[in-house]
Amino acid sequence: MDETPAERPGPAPAALDLVTITAADLARSLAFYDAALAALGLVRTTELVDEEEEDPDLEAAAWGPADGPAVLWLVTGPRPTAGLHLRFQADSRVDVETFFAEALEHGGTTHTAPRRWTLYRRGEFHAIVRDPAGNLIEAVSAE
């Protein structure tokens, strides 16, 4: 008996594996992401340089959980990523507030200060900052 299209098993839903952001000022962006992401439990897991150069500069870095794969890559380039909005899950309200403070201290700017936004995000506590290139980076907690 033939299956109808609705009965046929389809592919598993795609899962986002990683995001890459290009930064024109890599040093400034590294300081921002090191601080902001550390508040969310993410660490710099990878650094890449051009091994063909004698004194190579850092060209790419990645962050993820200490025991897992990288989820965010930052690469150097003349055309920075613009208009991106990334949202990270935080464990607690304190983590969201720490993320916000660290991001501002290390080159980020305020988009939305830590708060509950009951109209759109009922039951969530969040903060959104702009990275040095203007991308929106958000931390959200269920508390």
C-alpha atoms as a PDB file:
ATOM      1  CA  MET A   1       0.000   0.000   0.000  1.00  0.00           C
ATOM      2  CA  ASP A   2       1.368   3.384  -1.014  1.00  0.00           C
ATOM      3  CA  GLU A   3       1.773   6.146   1.544  1.00  0.00           C
ATOM      4  CA  THR A   4       0.223   9.542   0.973  1.00  0.00           C
ATOM      5  CA  PRO A   5       2.577  12.556   1.153  1.00  0.00           C
ATOM      6  CA  ALA A   6       1.314  13.360   4.661  1.00  0.00           C
ATOM      7  CA  GLU A   7       2.131   9.818   5.843  1.00  0.00           C
ATOM      8  CA  ARG A   8       5.653   9.668   4.399  1.00  0.00           C
ATOM      9  CA  PRO A   9       8.361  10.378   6.905  1.00  0.00           C
ATOM     10  CA  GLY A  10      10.173  13.561   6.012  1.00  0.00           C
ATOM     11  CA  PRO A  11      13.604  14.773   6.948  1.00  0.00           C
ATOM     12  CA  ALA A  12      14.286  15.711  10.532  1.00  0.00           C
ATOM     13  CA  PRO A  13      13.795  19.417  11.173  1.00  0.00           C
ATOM     14  CA  ALA A  14      16.937  21.455  10.635  1.00  0.00           C
ATOM     15  CA  ALA A  15      18.736  22.767  13.717  1.00  0.00           C
ATOM     16  CA  LEU A  16      20.877  25.863  13.740  1.00  0.00           C
ATOM     17  CA  ASP A  17      24.474  24.697  14.173  1.00  0.00           C
ATOM     18  CA  LEU A  18      26.408  27.953  14.462  1.00  0.00           C
ATOM     19  CA  VAL A  19      26.463  31.636  13.521  1.00  0.00           C
ATOM     20  CA  THR A  20      29.425  33.559  12.092  1.00  0.00           C
ATOM     21  CA  ILE A  21      29.819  37.314  12.549  1.00  0.00           C
ATOM     22  CA  THR A  22      32.371  39.357  10.614  1.00  0.00           C
ATOM     23  CA  ALA A  23      34.020  42.193  12.541  1.00  0.00           C
ATOM     24  CA  ALA A  24      35.997  45.101  11.085  1.00  0.00           C
ATOM     25  CA  ASP A  25      37.644  45.742  14.488  1.00  0.00           C
ATOM     26  CA  LEU A  26      38.379  42.242  15.726  1.00  0.00           C
ATOM     27  CA  ALA A  27      40.128  43.259  18.970  1.00  0.00           C
ATOM     28  CA  ARG A  28      37.186  45.414  20.073  1.00  0.00           C
ATOM     29  CA  SER A  29      34.668  42.722  19.188  1.00  0.00           C
ATOM     30  CA  LEU A  30      36.699  40.005  20.934  1.00  0.00           C
ATOM     31  CA  ALA A  31      36.680  42.007  24.177  1.00  0.00           C
ATOM     32  CA  PHE A  32      32.910  42.499  23.889  1.00  0.00           C
ATOM     33  CA  TYR A  33      32.062  38.855  23.143  1.00  0.00           C
ATOM     34  CA  ASP A  34      34.515  37.432  25.710  1.00  0.00           C
ATOM     35  CA  ALA A  35      32.834  39.459  28.470  1.00  0.00           C
ATOM     36  CA  ALA A  36      29.195  39.270  27.375  1.00  0.00           C
ATOM     37  CA  LEU A  37      29.211  35.558  26.569  1.00  0.00           C
ATOM     38  CA  ALA A  38      31.154  34.594  29.720  1.00  0.00           C
ATOM     39  CA  ALA A  39      28.177  35.915  31.697  1.00  0.00           C
ATOM     40  CA  LEU A  40      26.083  33.286  29.905  1.00  0.00           C
ATOM     41  CA  GLY A  41      28.501  30.418  30.527  1.00  0.00           C
ATOM     42  CA  LEU A  42      30.113  30.445  27.083  1.00  0.00           C
ATOM     43  CA  VAL A  43      33.894  30.453  26.698  1.00  0.00           C
ATOM     44  CA  ARG A  44      36.277  31.070  23.835  1.00  0.00           C
ATOM     45  CA  THR A  45      36.899  27.559  22.552  1.00  0.00           C
ATOM     46  CA  THR A  46      38.859  28.199  19.362  1.00  0.00           C
ATOM     47  CA  GLU A  47      41.328  30.718  17.938  1.00  0.00           C
ATOM     48  CA  LEU A  48      42.604  30.616  14.352  1.00  0.00           C
ATOM     49  CA  VAL A  49      45.550  32.396  12.757  1.00  0.00           C
ATOM     50  CA  ASP A  50      47.102  32.280   9.295  1.00  0.00           C
ATOM     51  CA  GLU A  51      49.783  29.658   9.883  1.00  0.00           C
ATOM     52  CA  GLU A  52      51.669  30.705   6.734  1.00  0.00           C
ATOM     53  CA  GLU A  53      52.648  34.052   8.285  1.00  0.00           C
ATOM     54  CA  GLU A  54      55.674  34.403  10.577  1.00  0.00           C
ATOM     55  CA  ASP A  55      53.895  36.509  13.231  1.00  0.00           C
ATOM     56  CA  PRO A  56      50.233  35.874  12.482  1.00  0.00           C
ATOM     57  CA  ASP A  57      47.390  37.913  13.904  1.00  0.00           C
ATOM     58  CA  LEU A  58      44.276  36.266  15.257  1.00  0.00           C
ATOM     59  CA  GLU A  59      41.753  36.000  12.413  1.00  0.00           C
ATOM     60  CA  ALA A  60      38.893  34.050  13.954  1.00  0.00           C
ATOM     61  CA  ALA A  61      37.584  32.965  17.337  1.00  0.00           C
ATOM     62  CA  ALA A  62      34.669  30.861  18.495  1.00  0.00           C
ATOM     63  CA  TRP A  63      32.604  30.550  21.685  1.00  0.00           C
ATOM     64  CA  GLY A  64      30.559  27.712  23.067  1.00  0.00           C
ATOM     65  CA  PRO A  65      30.053  25.710  26.237  1.00  0.00           C
ATOM     66  CA  ALA A  66      33.341  24.525  27.755  1.00  0.00           C
ATOM     67  CA  ASP A  67      32.456  20.900  26.981  1.00  0.00           C
ATOM     68  CA  GLY A  68      30.651  21.399  23.688  1.00  0.00           C
ATOM     69  CA  PRO A  69      30.911  22.691  20.153  1.00  0.00           C
ATOM     70  CA  ALA A  70      31.274  26.350  19.226  1.00  0.00           C
ATOM     71  CA  VAL A  71      27.983  28.122  18.580  1.00  0.00           C
ATOM     72  CA  LEU A  72      29.286  31.576  17.634  1.00  0.00           C
ATOM     73  CA  TRP A  73      32.247  32.417  15.396  1.00  0.00           C
ATOM     74  CA  LEU A  74      33.799  35.859  15.010  1.00  0.00           C
ATOM     75  CA  VAL A  75      36.011  36.456  11.976  1.00  0.00           C
ATOM     76  CA  THR A  76      37.897  39.498  10.788  1.00  0.00           C
ATOM     77  CA  GLY A  77      36.910  41.168   7.545  1.00  0.00           C
ATOM     78  CA  PRO A  78      36.431  44.541   5.873  1.00  0.00           C
ATOM     79  CA  ARG A  79      32.631  44.222   5.616  1.00  0.00           C
ATOM     80  CA  PRO A  80      31.225  43.690   9.112  1.00  0.00           C
ATOM     81  CA  THR A  81      28.019  41.812   9.699  1.00  0.00           C
ATOM     82  CA  ALA A  82      25.155  44.242  10.250  1.00  0.00           C
ATOM     83  CA  GLY A  83      21.523  43.879  11.251  1.00  0.00           C
ATOM     84  CA  LEU A  84      21.865  40.527  13.008  1.00  0.00           C
ATOM     85  CA  HIS A  85      19.834  39.670  16.137  1.00  0.00           C
ATOM     86  CA  LEU A  86      21.047  36.756  18.258  1.00  0.00           C
ATOM     87  CA  ARG A  87      19.178  35.525  21.313  1.00  0.00           C
ATOM     88  CA  PHE A  88      20.831  33.410  24.007  1.00  0.00           C
ATOM     89  CA  GLN A  89      19.059  31.529  26.799  1.00  0.00           C
ATOM     90  CA  ALA A  90      20.316  32.477  30.259  1.00  0.00           C
ATOM     91  CA  ASP A  91      19.892  30.418  33.416  1.00  0.00           C
ATOM     92  CA  SER A  92      18.650  33.265  35.591  1.00  0.00           C
ATOM     93  CA  ARG A  93      17.708  36.901  35.878  1.00  0.00           C
ATOM     94  CA  VAL A  94      21.096  37.533  37.516  1.00  0.00           C
ATOM     95  CA  ASP A  95      22.828  36.099  34.436  1.00  0.00           C
ATOM     96  CA  VAL A  96      20.842  38.456  32.185  1.00  0.00           C
ATOM     97  CA  GLU A  97      21.783  41.434  34.361  1.00  0.00           C
ATOM     98  CA  THR A  98      25.454  40.353  34.412  1.00  0.00           C
ATOM     99  CA  PHE A  99      25.431  39.895  30.615  1.00  0.00           C
ATOM    100  CA  PHE A 100      24.056  43.414  30.217  1.00  0.00           C
ATOM    101  CA  ALA A 101      26.592  45.015  32.584  1.00  0.00           C
ATOM    102  CA  GLU A 102      29.574  43.170  31.077  1.00  0.00           C
ATOM    103  CA  ALA A 103      28.473  43.951  27.521  1.00  0.00           C
ATOM    104  CA  LEU A 104      28.215  47.684  28.282  1.00  0.00           C
ATOM    105  CA  GLU A 105      31.545  47.716  30.102  1.00  0.00           C
ATOM    106  CA  HIS A 106      33.272  46.117  27.100  1.00  0.00           C
ATOM    107  CA  GLY A 107      32.051  48.201  24.174  1.00  0.00           C
ATOM    108  CA  GLY A 108      28.373  47.354  23.820  1.00  0.00           C
ATOM    109  CA  THR A 109      25.539  49.870  23.916  1.00  0.00           C
ATOM    110  CA  THR A 110      22.029  49.628  25.323  1.00  0.00           C
ATOM    111  CA  HIS A 111      19.152  48.602  23.113  1.00  0.00           C
ATOM    112  CA  THR A 112      16.803  47.331  25.851  1.00  0.00           C
ATOM    113  CA  ALA A 113      17.843  47.470  29.503  1.00  0.00           C
ATOM    114  CA  PRO A 114      17.130  44.373  31.633  1.00  0.00           C
ATOM    115  CA  ARG A 115      13.394  44.020  32.187  1.00  0.00           C
ATOM    116  CA  ARG A 116      10.257  41.995  31.719  1.00  0.00           C
ATOM    117  CA  TRP A 117       8.488  42.839  28.494  1.00  0.00           C
ATOM    118  CA  THR A 118       5.040  41.502  29.183  1.00  0.00           C
ATOM    119  CA  LEU A 119       3.419  42.695  25.962  1.00  0.00           C
ATOM    120  CA  TYR A 120       5.609  40.549  23.680  1.00  0.00           C
ATOM    121  CA  ARG A 121       7.515  38.164  25.904  1.00  0.00           C
ATOM    122  CA  ARG A 122       5.270  37.183  28.763  1.00  0.00           C
ATOM    123  CA  GLY A 123       7.132  35.410  31.552  1.00  0.00           C
ATOM    124  CA  GLU A 124      10.600  36.319  30.282  1.00  0.00           C
ATOM    125  CA  PHE A 125      13.275  38.601  31.675  1.00  0.00           C
ATOM    126  CA  HIS A 126      15.649  39.889  29.033  1.00  0.00           C
ATOM    127  CA  ALA A 127      18.176  42.505  27.947  1.00  0.00           C
ATOM    128  CA  ILE A 128      19.381  43.458  24.471  1.00  0.00           C
ATOM    129  CA  VAL A 129      22.670  45.163  23.663  1.00  0.00           C
ATOM    130  CA  ARG A 130      24.321  46.283  20.455  1.00  0.00           C
ATOM    131  CA  ASP A 131      27.745  44.803  19.779  1.00  0.00           C
ATOM    132  CA  PRO A 132      30.519  47.124  18.495  1.00  0.00           C
ATOM    133  CA  ALA A 133      29.216  46.731  14.924  1.00  0.00           C
ATOM    134  CA  GLY A 134      25.569  47.376  15.899  1.00  0.00           C
ATOM    135  CA  ASN A 135      24.234  43.793  15.874  1.00  0.00           C
ATOM    136  CA  LEU A 136      21.638  42.997  18.533  1.00  0.00           C
ATOM    137  CA  ILE A 137      22.685  40.428  21.122  1.00  0.00           C
ATOM    138  CA  GLU A 138      19.986  39.344  23.584  1.00  0.00           C
ATOM    139  CA  ALA A 139      19.976  37.316  26.765  1.00  0.00           C
ATOM    140  CA  VAL A 140      16.687  35.954  28.100  1.00  0.00           C
ATOM    141  CA  SER A 141      15.679  34.025  31.189  1.00  0.00           C
ATOM    142  CA  ALA A 142      12.400  32.418  32.188  1.00  0.00           C
ATOM    143  CA  GLU A 143      12.572  33.992  35.680  1.00  0.00           C
END
